[in-house]
Each structure stands twice: as C-alpha cells, then as structure tokens.
C-alpha atoms as a PDB file:
ATOM      1  CA  UNK A   1       7.139  -1.022  20.317  1.00  0.00           C
ATOM      2  CA  UNK A   2       4.703   1.545  18.214  1.00  0.00           C
ATOM      3  CA  UNK A   3       2.346  -0.623  16.274  1.00  0.00           C
ATOM      4  CA  UNK A   4      -0.673   1.409  14.579  1.00  0.00           C
ATOM      5  CA  UNK A   5      -3.646   0.706  13.814  1.00  0.00           C
ATOM      6  CA  UNK A   6      -3.564   2.989  10.952  1.00  0.00           C
ATOM      7  CA  UNK A   7      -1.195   4.411   8.242  1.00  0.00           C
ATOM      8  CA  UNK A   8      -2.662   7.669   6.440  1.00  0.00           C
ATOM      9  CA  UNK A   9      -0.887   8.105   3.379  1.00  0.00           C
ATOM     10  CA  UNK A  10      -0.873  11.007   1.477  1.00  0.00           C
ATOM     11  CA  UNK A  11       0.663  11.517  -2.034  1.00  0.00           C
ATOM     12  CA  UNK A  12       1.443  15.023  -2.631  1.00  0.00           C
ATOM     13  CA  UNK A  13       2.921  15.450  -5.803  1.00  0.00           C
ATOM     14  CA  UNK A  14       6.366  13.600  -6.098  1.00  0.00           C
ATOM     15  CA  UNK A  15       6.516  13.126  -1.858  1.00  0.00           C
ATOM     16  CA  UNK A  16       4.638  11.184   0.051  1.00  0.00           C
ATOM     17  CA  UNK A  17       3.360  11.564   3.373  1.00  0.00           C
ATOM     18  CA  UNK A  18       3.162   7.724   5.757  1.00  0.00           C
ATOM     19  CA  UNK A  19       1.524   9.031   8.943  1.00  0.00           C
ATOM     20  CA  UNK A  20       0.920   5.949  11.701  1.00  0.00           C
ATOM     21  CA  UNK A  21      -1.906   6.802  13.681  1.00  0.00           C
ATOM     22  CA  UNK A  22      -2.718   5.140  17.151  1.00  0.00           C
ATOM     23  CA  UNK A  23      -6.159   4.992  18.653  1.00  0.00           C
ATOM     24  CA  UNK A  24      -5.562   4.335  22.439  1.00  0.00           C
ATOM     25  CA  UNK A  25      -6.126   5.126  26.148  1.00  0.00           C
ATOM     26  CA  UNK A  26      -3.203   6.620  27.349  1.00  0.00           C
ATOM     27  CA  UNK A  27      -4.256   6.396  31.187  1.00  0.00           C
ATOM     28  CA  UNK A  28      -1.876   3.455  31.997  1.00  0.00           C
ATOM     29  CA  UNK A  29       1.317   5.247  30.085  1.00  0.00           C
ATOM     30  CA  UNK A  30       4.590   6.345  31.775  1.00  0.00           C
ATOM     31  CA  UNK A  31       4.262  10.254  31.333  1.00  0.00           C
ATOM     32  CA  UNK A  32       5.045  12.271  28.576  1.00  0.00           C
ATOM     33  CA  UNK A  33       8.677  10.669  28.082  1.00  0.00           C
ATOM     34  CA  UNK A  34       6.997   7.345  27.251  1.00  0.00           C
ATOM     35  CA  UNK A  35       8.474   5.491  24.367  1.00  0.00           C
ATOM     36  CA  UNK A  36       5.004   5.544  22.782  1.00  0.00           C
ATOM     37  CA  UNK A  37       3.703   8.723  22.924  1.00  0.00           C
ATOM     38  CA  UNK A  38       8.144   9.599  22.095  1.00  0.00           C
ATOM     39  CA  UNK A  39       7.729   7.727  19.268  1.00  0.00           C
ATOM     40  CA  UNK A  40       6.922  10.669  16.571  1.00  0.00           C
ATOM     41  CA  UNK A  41      10.623  12.005  17.898  1.00  0.00           C
ATOM     42  CA  UNK A  42      12.075   8.362  16.559  1.00  0.00           C
ATOM     43  CA  UNK A  43      10.302   7.931  13.763  1.00  0.00           C
ATOM     44  CA  UNK A  44      11.482  11.665  12.206  1.00  0.00           C
ATOM     45  CA  UNK A  45      15.303  10.094  12.618  1.00  0.00           C
ATOM     46  CA  UNK A  46      13.868   6.989  10.479  1.00  0.00           C
ATOM     47  CA  UNK A  47      13.263   9.399   8.087  1.00  0.00           C
ATOM     48  CA  UNK A  48      16.348  11.462   8.360  1.00  0.00           C
ATOM     49  CA  UNK A  49      18.079   8.131   8.001  1.00  0.00           C
ATOM     50  CA  UNK A  50      16.037   7.040   4.437  1.00  0.00           C
ATOM     51  CA  UNK A  51      17.711  10.087   3.395  1.00  0.00           C
ATOM     52  CA  UNK A  52      14.888  10.538   0.188  1.00  0.00           C
ATOM     53  CA  UNK A  53      13.596  13.560   0.723  1.00  0.00           C
ATOM     54  CA  UNK A  54      10.497  12.490  -0.575  1.00  0.00           C
ATOM     55  CA  UNK A  55       8.933  10.949   2.291  1.00  0.00           C
ATOM     56  CA  UNK A  56       7.989  12.294   5.028  1.00  0.00           C
ATOM     57  CA  UNK A  57       7.610  10.462   7.990  1.00  0.00           C
ATOM     58  CA  UNK A  58       5.252  11.224  10.725  1.00  0.00           C
ATOM     59  CA  UNK A  59       3.199   9.262  14.049  1.00  0.00           C
ATOM     60  CA  UNK A  60       0.180  10.777  16.159  1.00  0.00           C
ATOM     61  CA  UNK A  61      -1.351   8.874  19.587  1.00  0.00           C
ATOM     62  CA  UNK A  62      -5.354   9.957  19.048  1.00  0.00           C
ATOM     63  CA  UNK A  63      -6.211   9.576  23.236  1.00  0.00           C
ATOM     64  CA  UNK A  64      -9.469   7.399  23.494  1.00  0.00           C
ATOM     65  CA  UNK A  65      -9.002   8.787  27.116  1.00  0.00           C
ATOM     66  CA  UNK A  66     -10.427  11.977  27.909  1.00  0.00           C
ATOM     67  CA  UNK A  67      -8.140  14.452  29.522  1.00  0.00           C
ATOM     68  CA  UNK A  68      -9.790  15.230  32.336  1.00  0.00           C
ATOM     69  CA  UNK A  69      -9.234  11.515  33.481  1.00  0.00           C
ATOM     70  CA  UNK A  70      -6.609  11.717  33.529  1.00  0.00           C
ATOM     71  CA  UNK A  71      -3.873  10.007  36.387  1.00  0.00           C
ATOM     72  CA  UNK A  72      -0.060  10.440  35.860  1.00  0.00           C
ATOM     73  CA  UNK A  73      -0.246  14.116  33.797  1.00  0.00           C
ATOM     74  CA  UNK A  74      -3.654  15.063  35.921  1.00  0.00           C
ATOM     75  CA  UNK A  75      -2.170  18.994  37.393  1.00  0.00           C
ATOM     76  CA  UNK A  76       1.107  19.224  35.589  1.00  0.00           C
ATOM     77  CA  UNK A  77       0.517  18.783  31.892  1.00  0.00           C
ATOM     78  CA  UNK A  78      -2.108  20.743  29.683  1.00  0.00           C
ATOM     79  CA  UNK A  79      -3.120  19.864  26.335  1.00  0.00           C
ATOM     80  CA  UNK A  80      -1.063  21.732  24.699  1.00  0.00           C
ATOM     81  CA  UNK A  81       1.821  19.824  26.597  1.00  0.00           C
ATOM     82  CA  UNK A  82       0.444  16.381  24.634  1.00  0.00           C
ATOM     83  CA  UNK A  83       0.032  18.247  21.655  1.00  0.00           C
ATOM     84  CA  UNK A  84       3.526  18.662  21.269  1.00  0.00           C
ATOM     85  CA  UNK A  85       3.971  15.851  21.410  1.00  0.00           C
ATOM     86  CA  UNK A  86       1.321  14.403  19.033  1.00  0.00           C
ATOM     87  CA  UNK A  87      -0.943  13.257  21.291  1.00  0.00           C
ATOM     88  CA  UNK A  88      -4.182  14.565  20.061  1.00  0.00           C
ATOM     89  CA  UNK A  89      -7.608  13.772  22.647  1.00  0.00           C
ATOM     90  CA  UNK A  90     -10.216  12.599  20.357  1.00  0.00           C
ATOM     91  CA  UNK A  91     -13.156  12.817  22.915  1.00  0.00           C
ATOM     92  CA  UNK A  92     -12.346  16.572  24.257  1.00  0.00           C
ATOM     93  CA  UNK A  93     -11.490  18.035  21.078  1.00  0.00           C
ATOM     94  CA  UNK A  94     -13.501  17.601  18.137  1.00  0.00           C
ATOM     95  CA  UNK A  95     -11.071  19.355  15.560  1.00  0.00           C
ATOM     96  CA  UNK A  96      -8.696  16.725  16.438  1.00  0.00           C
ATOM     97  CA  UNK A  97      -8.581  15.361  12.537  1.00  0.00           C
ATOM     98  CA  UNK A  98      -8.009  18.726  11.783  1.00  0.00           C
ATOM     99  CA  UNK A  99      -4.578  19.346  14.124  1.00  0.00           C
ATOM    100  CA  UNK A 100      -3.496  15.579  12.961  1.00  0.00           C
ATOM    101  CA  UNK A 101      -3.654  17.411   9.417  1.00  0.00           C
ATOM    102  CA  UNK A 102      -1.992  20.407  10.315  1.00  0.00           C
ATOM    103  CA  UNK A 103       0.390  18.790  11.987  1.00  0.00           C
ATOM    104  CA  UNK A 104       1.878  16.897   8.727  1.00  0.00           C
ATOM    105  CA  UNK A 105       2.123  20.360   7.120  1.00  0.00           C
ATOM    106  CA  UNK A 106       2.067  19.396   3.759  1.00  0.00           C
ATOM    107  CA  UNK A 107       3.865  21.050   1.285  1.00  0.00           C
ATOM    108  CA  UNK A 108       2.828  20.798  -2.745  1.00  0.00           C
END
C-alpha cells in the first residue's frame, strides 16, 4: 500500500537508480514500524529478487508534518531515528534533498 507520488530515476553509467519518493503527512501513521515507513526495506528485498546489479531501488517518505508536531513519536523518537528509516522532514531540514540524494549512494 505504498503509492509514491514521484519516481527519481538516475542513470549513472550502466546503473539505474530508481527511487520512489512519497511526500506525505505522517502524523496518523502507526509508528516507525508502519508499513509505509518500512517500505524502504521491502524495496531492497524486491531489488535482491530482481537479481540485476544494474538496478538499485530505494524509497523515501518526505514528511510534510513538522517534527515538532509529532504525535506518536513525541519524546520517543529522534529525527535521526526517522532518517535511519528513510523519512526526511521537509519543513525542518533545508538540506533534506541533499540527504535523500546522499542516501541513494550513487556509484559511477
């Protein structure tokens, strides 16, 4: 049930980096273990099953909910916890695009 709004497709040499990006509010998700957040792991399993070293898959959620407006995560999770799960906060971090690109880990 992950329907990203954007696909960032980078071709570097012979390798295709296909990254699914979903900007969304996360206030109503069910914690860091929510399937929409954890999809970044599922997409890696799909990449492995493809068995094509020239295709690299990634996924990210770009939260439109400011970190300070946290509901379920208030006081229990840090912004670093979210970044470790490929969730970036658009309104809190002006460098979120650079972080996203850095986590794609493009190798020429």
